[in-house]
């Protein structure tokens, strides 16, 4: 399981980024389920709006590949990223750096 957490100072940027990222990784491979984007359980923390995508997978290898694809997509748009893994699953954090505008793209 993975939680993709998207953060931005402006709510519209966080929503746009999470929507774009969600479109990029769907449709999900056969053995995966992608839920979201949706507001994170704590939607605003430390002056940042937060959205998330939850990804369930039967294969850790396939999940790693999908997270790398999401990370590559985010980096192409100059969004900061970080993958944190543990024995339970992963968190892919994606955010806009403070003071930067949203370099969001349609499609």
C-alpha atoms as a PDB file:
ATOM      1  CA  UNK A   1       0.000   0.000   0.000  1.00  0.00           C
ATOM      2  CA  UNK A   2       1.160   3.542  -0.691  1.00  0.00           C
ATOM      3  CA  UNK A   3      -0.075   6.973   0.227  1.00  0.00           C
ATOM      4  CA  UNK A   4       0.753   9.703  -2.289  1.00  0.00           C
ATOM      5  CA  UNK A   5       0.586  12.983  -0.388  1.00  0.00           C
ATOM      6  CA  UNK A   6       0.421  16.234  -2.371  1.00  0.00           C
ATOM      7  CA  UNK A   7       1.083  19.537  -0.575  1.00  0.00           C
ATOM      8  CA  UNK A   8       0.920  23.177  -1.667  1.00  0.00           C
ATOM      9  CA  UNK A   9       0.422  26.597  -0.074  1.00  0.00           C
ATOM     10  CA  UNK A  10      -2.656  27.219  -2.249  1.00  0.00           C
ATOM     11  CA  UNK A  11      -5.544  24.780  -2.165  1.00  0.00           C
ATOM     12  CA  UNK A  12      -6.172  25.085  -5.901  1.00  0.00           C
ATOM     13  CA  UNK A  13      -2.537  24.132  -6.603  1.00  0.00           C
ATOM     14  CA  UNK A  14      -2.732  21.060  -4.352  1.00  0.00           C
ATOM     15  CA  UNK A  15      -5.982  19.962  -5.983  1.00  0.00           C
ATOM     16  CA  UNK A  16      -4.659  20.562  -9.516  1.00  0.00           C
ATOM     17  CA  UNK A  17      -1.425  18.690  -8.797  1.00  0.00           C
ATOM     18  CA  UNK A  18      -3.219  15.717  -7.252  1.00  0.00           C
ATOM     19  CA  UNK A  19      -5.664  15.559 -10.163  1.00  0.00           C
ATOM     20  CA  UNK A  20      -2.866  15.671 -12.754  1.00  0.00           C
ATOM     21  CA  UNK A  21      -0.888  13.017 -10.930  1.00  0.00           C
ATOM     22  CA  UNK A  22      -3.981  10.832 -10.585  1.00  0.00           C
ATOM     23  CA  UNK A  23      -4.686  11.082 -14.322  1.00  0.00           C
ATOM     24  CA  UNK A  24      -1.089  10.153 -15.092  1.00  0.00           C
ATOM     25  CA  UNK A  25      -1.106   6.914 -13.099  1.00  0.00           C
ATOM     26  CA  UNK A  26      -4.570   5.718 -14.157  1.00  0.00           C
ATOM     27  CA  UNK A  27      -5.921   3.417 -15.306  1.00  0.00           C
ATOM     28  CA  UNK A  28      -4.330   1.294 -12.622  1.00  0.00           C
ATOM     29  CA  UNK A  29      -2.555  -1.916 -13.583  1.00  0.00           C
ATOM     30  CA  UNK A  30      -4.673  -5.048 -13.167  1.00  0.00           C
ATOM     31  CA  UNK A  31      -3.443  -5.953  -9.677  1.00  0.00           C
ATOM     32  CA  UNK A  32      -3.766  -2.416  -8.238  1.00  0.00           C
ATOM     33  CA  UNK A  33      -6.461  -0.097  -6.984  1.00  0.00           C
ATOM     34  CA  UNK A  34      -6.034   3.685  -6.910  1.00  0.00           C
ATOM     35  CA  UNK A  35      -8.345   5.726  -4.704  1.00  0.00           C
ATOM     36  CA  UNK A  36      -8.531   9.505  -4.878  1.00  0.00           C
ATOM     37  CA  UNK A  37      -7.475  12.176  -5.131  1.00  0.00           C
ATOM     38  CA  UNK A  38      -9.187  13.319  -1.973  1.00  0.00           C
ATOM     39  CA  UNK A  39      -8.440  15.746   0.815  1.00  0.00           C
ATOM     40  CA  UNK A  40      -6.024  14.255   3.328  1.00  0.00           C
ATOM     41  CA  UNK A  41      -7.470  13.427   6.772  1.00  0.00           C
ATOM     42  CA  UNK A  42      -5.784  16.608   8.007  1.00  0.00           C
ATOM     43  CA  UNK A  43      -6.472  18.827   4.969  1.00  0.00           C
ATOM     44  CA  UNK A  44      -4.381  21.795   6.101  1.00  0.00           C
ATOM     45  CA  UNK A  45      -1.225  21.601   8.158  1.00  0.00           C
ATOM     46  CA  UNK A  46       1.434  24.271   8.710  1.00  0.00           C
ATOM     47  CA  UNK A  47      -0.052  26.589   6.051  1.00  0.00           C
ATOM     48  CA  UNK A  48      -0.133  23.856   3.402  1.00  0.00           C
ATOM     49  CA  UNK A  49      -3.161  22.215   1.812  1.00  0.00           C
ATOM     50  CA  UNK A  50      -2.921  18.453   1.492  1.00  0.00           C
ATOM     51  CA  UNK A  51      -4.513  15.955  -0.891  1.00  0.00           C
ATOM     52  CA  UNK A  52      -3.777  12.276  -1.243  1.00  0.00           C
ATOM     53  CA  UNK A  53      -4.080   9.221  -3.437  1.00  0.00           C
ATOM     54  CA  UNK A  54      -4.102   5.757  -1.862  1.00  0.00           C
ATOM     55  CA  UNK A  55      -2.720   2.882  -3.897  1.00  0.00           C
ATOM     56  CA  UNK A  56      -3.293  -0.768  -2.994  1.00  0.00           C
ATOM     57  CA  UNK A  57      -1.303  -3.427  -4.773  1.00  0.00           C
ATOM     58  CA  UNK A  58      -0.824  -7.168  -4.555  1.00  0.00           C
ATOM     59  CA  UNK A  59       2.756  -6.781  -5.751  1.00  0.00           C
ATOM     60  CA  UNK A  60       5.401  -4.678  -4.025  1.00  0.00           C
ATOM     61  CA  UNK A  61       7.453  -4.683  -7.251  1.00  0.00           C
ATOM     62  CA  UNK A  62       4.538  -3.302  -9.302  1.00  0.00           C
ATOM     63  CA  UNK A  63       3.817  -0.718  -6.596  1.00  0.00           C
ATOM     64  CA  UNK A  64       7.456   0.425  -6.685  1.00  0.00           C
ATOM     65  CA  UNK A  65       7.216   0.829 -10.460  1.00  0.00           C
ATOM     66  CA  UNK A  66       4.035   2.898 -10.226  1.00  0.00           C
ATOM     67  CA  UNK A  67       5.519   5.139  -7.515  1.00  0.00           C
ATOM     68  CA  UNK A  68       8.626   5.717  -9.636  1.00  0.00           C
ATOM     69  CA  UNK A  69       6.369   6.630 -12.582  1.00  0.00           C
ATOM     70  CA  UNK A  70       4.495   9.120 -10.371  1.00  0.00           C
ATOM     71  CA  UNK A  71       7.756  10.536  -9.031  1.00  0.00           C
ATOM     72  CA  UNK A  72       9.158  10.965 -12.540  1.00  0.00           C
ATOM     73  CA  UNK A  73       5.979  12.767 -13.643  1.00  0.00           C
ATOM     74  CA  UNK A  74       6.238  15.132 -10.658  1.00  0.00           C
ATOM     75  CA  UNK A  75       9.934  15.844 -11.227  1.00  0.00           C
ATOM     76  CA  UNK A  76       9.293  16.698 -14.887  1.00  0.00           C
ATOM     77  CA  UNK A  77       7.028  19.462 -13.579  1.00  0.00           C
ATOM     78  CA  UNK A  78       9.676  20.662 -11.106  1.00  0.00           C
ATOM     79  CA  UNK A  79       7.646  19.496  -8.103  1.00  0.00           C
ATOM     80  CA  UNK A  80       9.719  18.334  -5.144  1.00  0.00           C
ATOM     81  CA  UNK A  81       9.296  14.636  -4.279  1.00  0.00           C
ATOM     82  CA  UNK A  82      10.366  12.092  -1.693  1.00  0.00           C
ATOM     83  CA  UNK A  83       9.523   8.391  -1.276  1.00  0.00           C
ATOM     84  CA  UNK A  84       9.538   7.008   2.258  1.00  0.00           C
ATOM     85  CA  UNK A  85       9.271   3.245   2.661  1.00  0.00           C
ATOM     86  CA  UNK A  86       8.857   0.904   5.600  1.00  0.00           C
ATOM     87  CA  UNK A  87       7.663  -2.644   6.232  1.00  0.00           C
ATOM     88  CA  UNK A  88       4.005  -1.583   5.951  1.00  0.00           C
ATOM     89  CA  UNK A  89       4.120   0.452   2.745  1.00  0.00           C
ATOM     90  CA  UNK A  90       5.252   3.696   1.180  1.00  0.00           C
ATOM     91  CA  UNK A  91       4.557   7.396   1.233  1.00  0.00           C
ATOM     92  CA  UNK A  92       5.329   9.468  -1.859  1.00  0.00           C
ATOM     93  CA  UNK A  93       5.339  13.128  -0.848  1.00  0.00           C
ATOM     94  CA  UNK A  94       4.947  15.702  -3.631  1.00  0.00           C
ATOM     95  CA  UNK A  95       4.965  19.444  -2.994  1.00  0.00           C
ATOM     96  CA  UNK A  96       5.567  22.888  -4.413  1.00  0.00           C
ATOM     97  CA  UNK A  97       8.519  24.700  -2.967  1.00  0.00           C
ATOM     98  CA  UNK A  98       7.628  27.870  -1.063  1.00  0.00           C
ATOM     99  CA  UNK A  99       7.532  30.915  -3.272  1.00  0.00           C
ATOM    100  CA  UNK A 100       7.273  28.952  -6.499  1.00  0.00           C
ATOM    101  CA  UNK A 101       4.242  29.214  -8.700  1.00  0.00           C
ATOM    102  CA  UNK A 102       2.386  26.147  -9.803  1.00  0.00           C
ATOM    103  CA  UNK A 103       3.894  24.872 -13.024  1.00  0.00           C
ATOM    104  CA  UNK A 104       0.802  22.761 -13.639  1.00  0.00           C
ATOM    105  CA  UNK A 105       0.010  21.471 -17.094  1.00  0.00           C
ATOM    106  CA  UNK A 106      -3.216  20.368 -18.702  1.00  0.00           C
ATOM    107  CA  UNK A 107      -3.354  16.789 -19.937  1.00  0.00           C
END
